[in-house]
Amino acid sequence: MKRYLVMLCLVLNACSGLPPAIKEPPLYDISYTEAVQKTANYKNAPVRWGGTIVDVENEQNFSLVQVLYYPLDSDGEPKTDKQYSGRFVFKSQEFLDPAVYSKDAKITVAGILIGDLERTVGKKVLSLPLISATTIYLWPVYEYDSRYDGFGYGYGYNPYYGGYPYYWGNYYWPSATPFMGPAFRRVR
């Protein structure tokens, strides 16, 4: 029972760290395809879109970020395993460092649709929706760390539980909580 309570707390804590503008869509959520077809009709409408970063352009007083659009899941995270629908650009009044906001990083943006912007992709000129960003969320990247592999059959020694052998199913876990072993670490 204690393990389930710990797991529930971890899940609730993970969801609570998101900004409300990213976690919850606007009251009337305009889809990307609607906005591309009739950008002028949806001018000044709130949107919440996401995807992967294609390019960052820093001007003197603002930054423009071009994003490859992907649909969002219920928490606002881009589903990069789905088909992308196109591109959009968001404008931020802050300096966005290209080293942090790097190519292929997952991002979700909430803001106001203010029009469109022409960009050249290869030799084709595209008219992309432009968002004035109010909230920007760069999704963290986790990497597998094989030093903490710890899987194996049988019993093992765990000092966190008083030194007696610790057994979890058919696997030995080297960490104190079997659900949150240190095998994944946050890179960004």
Protein backbone atom coordinates (compact mmCIF):
# COMPACT_ATOMS: atom_id res chain seq x y z
CA MET A 1 0.00 0.00 0.00
CA LYS A 2 2.85 2.35 0.86
CA ARG A 3 4.38 1.82 -2.58
CA TYR A 4 1.13 2.73 -4.32
CA LEU A 5 0.85 5.90 -2.26
CA VAL A 6 4.41 6.89 -3.22
CA MET A 7 3.63 6.20 -6.88
CA LEU A 8 0.44 8.29 -6.72
CA CYS A 9 2.34 11.20 -5.16
CA LEU A 10 5.01 11.03 -7.86
CA VAL A 11 2.43 11.03 -10.66
CA LEU A 12 0.53 13.96 -9.16
CA ASN A 13 3.75 15.88 -8.58
CA ALA A 14 4.88 15.33 -12.19
CA CYS A 15 1.62 16.78 -13.53
CA SER A 16 1.58 19.77 -11.20
CA GLY A 17 4.87 21.22 -12.49
CA LEU A 18 3.40 22.36 -15.79
CA PRO A 19 2.26 25.96 -16.26
CA PRO A 20 -1.57 26.15 -16.38
CA ALA A 21 -1.52 27.71 -19.88
CA ILE A 22 0.37 24.65 -21.17
CA LYS A 23 -1.55 21.97 -19.26
CA GLU A 24 -5.02 23.21 -20.18
CA PRO A 25 -6.12 24.36 -23.64
CA PRO A 26 -7.93 27.68 -24.20
CA LEU A 27 -11.72 27.69 -23.89
CA TYR A 28 -12.11 27.54 -27.67
CA ASP A 29 -9.11 25.61 -28.93
CA ILE A 30 -8.38 26.56 -32.55
CA SER A 31 -6.82 23.72 -34.48
CA TYR A 32 -3.77 24.26 -36.64
CA THR A 33 -5.62 23.40 -39.85
CA GLU A 34 -8.39 25.93 -39.11
CA ALA A 35 -5.84 28.64 -38.45
CA VAL A 36 -3.84 27.93 -41.61
CA GLN A 37 -6.94 28.00 -43.82
CA LYS A 38 -8.44 31.21 -42.36
CA THR A 39 -5.74 33.05 -40.41
CA ALA A 40 -7.49 36.42 -40.73
CA ASN A 41 -10.69 35.00 -39.16
CA TYR A 42 -8.86 33.84 -36.04
CA LYS A 43 -6.66 36.89 -35.48
CA ASN A 44 -6.21 37.67 -31.73
CA ALA A 45 -7.55 34.24 -30.74
CA PRO A 46 -5.78 32.29 -27.95
CA VAL A 47 -3.98 29.12 -29.05
CA ARG A 48 -1.89 26.36 -27.51
CA TRP A 49 0.30 24.57 -30.04
CA GLY A 50 3.46 22.52 -29.88
CA GLY A 51 6.00 20.52 -31.80
CA THR A 52 9.73 20.40 -32.40
CA ILE A 53 11.97 23.40 -32.96
CA VAL A 54 13.24 23.91 -36.50
CA ASP A 55 15.01 27.28 -36.26
CA VAL A 56 15.62 30.18 -33.85
CA GLU A 57 16.15 33.74 -35.14
CA ASN A 58 17.18 36.40 -32.63
CA GLU A 59 16.49 40.00 -33.58
CA GLN A 60 17.43 43.09 -31.56
CA ASN A 61 14.24 43.19 -29.40
CA PHE A 62 12.64 39.77 -29.88
CA SER A 63 13.15 36.16 -30.95
CA LEU A 64 11.33 34.22 -33.67
CA VAL A 65 11.16 30.44 -33.37
CA GLN A 66 9.97 28.22 -36.21
CA VAL A 67 8.29 25.03 -35.00
CA LEU A 68 7.24 21.85 -36.80
CA TYR A 69 3.63 21.38 -35.59
CA TYR A 70 2.55 18.11 -33.92
CA PRO A 71 -0.76 17.40 -32.16
CA LEU A 72 -0.71 17.66 -28.35
CA ASP A 73 -1.63 15.04 -25.76
CA SER A 74 -3.86 15.76 -22.74
CA ASP A 75 -0.97 17.41 -20.83
CA GLY A 76 0.05 19.60 -23.76
CA GLU A 77 3.11 17.59 -24.78
CA PRO A 78 3.67 17.22 -28.54
CA LYS A 79 3.03 13.69 -29.82
CA THR A 80 6.05 13.36 -32.09
CA ASP A 81 5.11 9.79 -32.99
CA LYS A 82 2.14 11.20 -34.97
CA GLN A 83 2.26 12.86 -38.40
CA TYR A 84 3.23 16.54 -38.38
CA SER A 85 0.78 18.98 -39.98
CA GLY A 86 2.97 21.91 -40.97
CA ARG A 87 4.91 24.75 -39.38
CA PHE A 88 4.23 27.81 -37.30
CA VAL A 89 6.33 30.65 -35.88
CA PHE A 90 6.11 32.16 -32.42
CA LYS A 91 7.47 35.49 -31.29
CA SER A 92 8.94 36.04 -27.83
CA GLN A 93 10.00 39.38 -26.37
CA GLU A 94 12.78 37.54 -24.49
CA PHE A 95 16.11 36.41 -25.91
CA LEU A 96 15.88 32.67 -26.59
CA ASP A 97 19.34 31.14 -26.72
CA PRO A 98 19.69 28.72 -29.67
CA ALA A 99 21.92 26.52 -27.50
CA VAL A 100 18.99 25.94 -25.11
CA TYR A 101 16.19 26.12 -27.66
CA SER A 102 17.99 23.73 -29.96
CA LYS A 103 16.85 22.03 -33.14
CA ASP A 104 14.46 19.07 -32.58
CA ALA A 105 13.71 20.02 -28.95
CA LYS A 106 10.05 19.49 -27.98
CA ILE A 107 8.22 22.69 -27.11
CA THR A 108 4.68 23.85 -26.32
CA VAL A 109 3.60 27.49 -26.71
CA ALA A 110 0.50 29.28 -25.48
CA GLY A 111 -0.29 32.72 -26.82
CA ILE A 112 -2.29 34.85 -29.22
CA LEU A 113 -2.51 34.23 -32.98
CA ILE A 114 -1.50 37.59 -34.47
CA GLY A 115 -1.35 36.81 -38.18
CA ASP A 116 1.01 35.07 -40.54
CA LEU A 117 4.62 35.38 -41.64
CA GLU A 118 6.34 34.32 -44.85
CA ARG A 119 9.31 31.99 -44.56
CA THR A 120 11.36 30.22 -47.22
CA VAL A 121 11.82 26.47 -46.80
CA GLY A 122 14.21 25.25 -49.48
CA LYS A 123 13.01 27.15 -52.55
CA LYS A 124 9.36 27.29 -51.49
CA VAL A 125 7.85 30.34 -49.80
CA LEU A 126 5.35 29.40 -47.08
CA SER A 127 2.88 31.55 -45.16
CA LEU A 128 3.13 30.37 -41.55
CA PRO A 129 0.82 31.29 -38.64
CA LEU A 130 2.49 33.72 -36.19
CA ILE A 131 1.86 33.50 -32.44
CA SER A 132 2.74 36.12 -29.84
CA ALA A 133 3.89 33.80 -27.05
CA THR A 134 2.71 34.35 -23.48
CA THR A 135 3.92 30.99 -22.11
CA ILE A 136 6.73 28.84 -23.47
CA TYR A 137 7.47 25.36 -22.12
CA LEU A 138 10.55 23.45 -23.26
CA TRP A 139 10.02 19.77 -22.48
CA PRO A 140 12.84 18.12 -20.50
CA VAL A 141 14.92 15.38 -22.10
CA TYR A 142 15.78 12.24 -20.15
CA GLU A 143 18.63 9.92 -20.96
CA TYR A 144 19.12 6.29 -19.95
CA ASP A 145 22.06 5.78 -17.59
CA SER A 146 23.27 2.17 -17.77
CA ARG A 147 25.33 2.48 -14.57
CA TYR A 148 22.09 1.99 -12.65
CA ASP A 149 20.78 -0.95 -14.60
CA GLY A 150 20.21 -3.16 -11.56
CA PHE A 151 17.98 -5.78 -13.17
CA GLY A 152 18.61 -9.41 -12.29
CA TYR A 153 16.86 -12.43 -10.90
CA GLY A 154 16.81 -13.16 -7.22
CA TYR A 155 17.43 -11.29 -4.01
CA GLY A 156 19.75 -8.40 -3.39
CA TYR A 157 21.10 -6.30 -0.56
CA ASN A 158 19.41 -2.95 0.02
CA PRO A 159 20.72 -0.72 2.83
CA TYR A 160 17.61 1.51 2.66
CA TYR A 161 15.50 -1.27 4.14
CA GLY A 162 17.76 -2.15 7.03
CA GLY A 163 20.10 -4.39 5.08
CA TYR A 164 17.78 -7.35 4.67
CA PRO A 165 17.43 -8.75 1.17
CA TYR A 166 15.10 -6.75 -1.01
CA TYR A 167 12.99 -8.64 -3.50
CA TRP A 168 10.71 -7.09 -6.11
CA GLY A 169 8.95 -9.59 -8.36
CA ASN A 170 11.71 -11.33 -10.22
CA TYR A 171 13.97 -8.29 -10.26
CA TYR A 172 16.37 -6.69 -7.83
CA TRP A 173 16.20 -2.90 -7.74
CA PRO A 174 19.23 -1.06 -6.38
CA SER A 175 17.28 2.05 -5.38
CA ALA A 176 15.08 2.72 -2.38
CA THR A 177 11.89 2.96 -4.41
CA PRO A 178 11.44 0.42 -7.16
CA PHE A 179 9.34 2.76 -9.30
CA MET A 180 11.86 5.58 -9.43
CA GLY A 181 15.22 3.95 -9.90
CA PRO A 182 17.94 6.34 -11.06
CA ALA A 183 18.23 4.66 -14.48
CA PHE A 184 16.92 7.81 -16.20
CA ARG A 185 18.46 11.19 -15.58
CA ARG A 186 17.39 14.60 -16.81
CA VAL A 187 19.68 15.99 -19.49
CA ARG A 188 17.89 19.26 -20.16
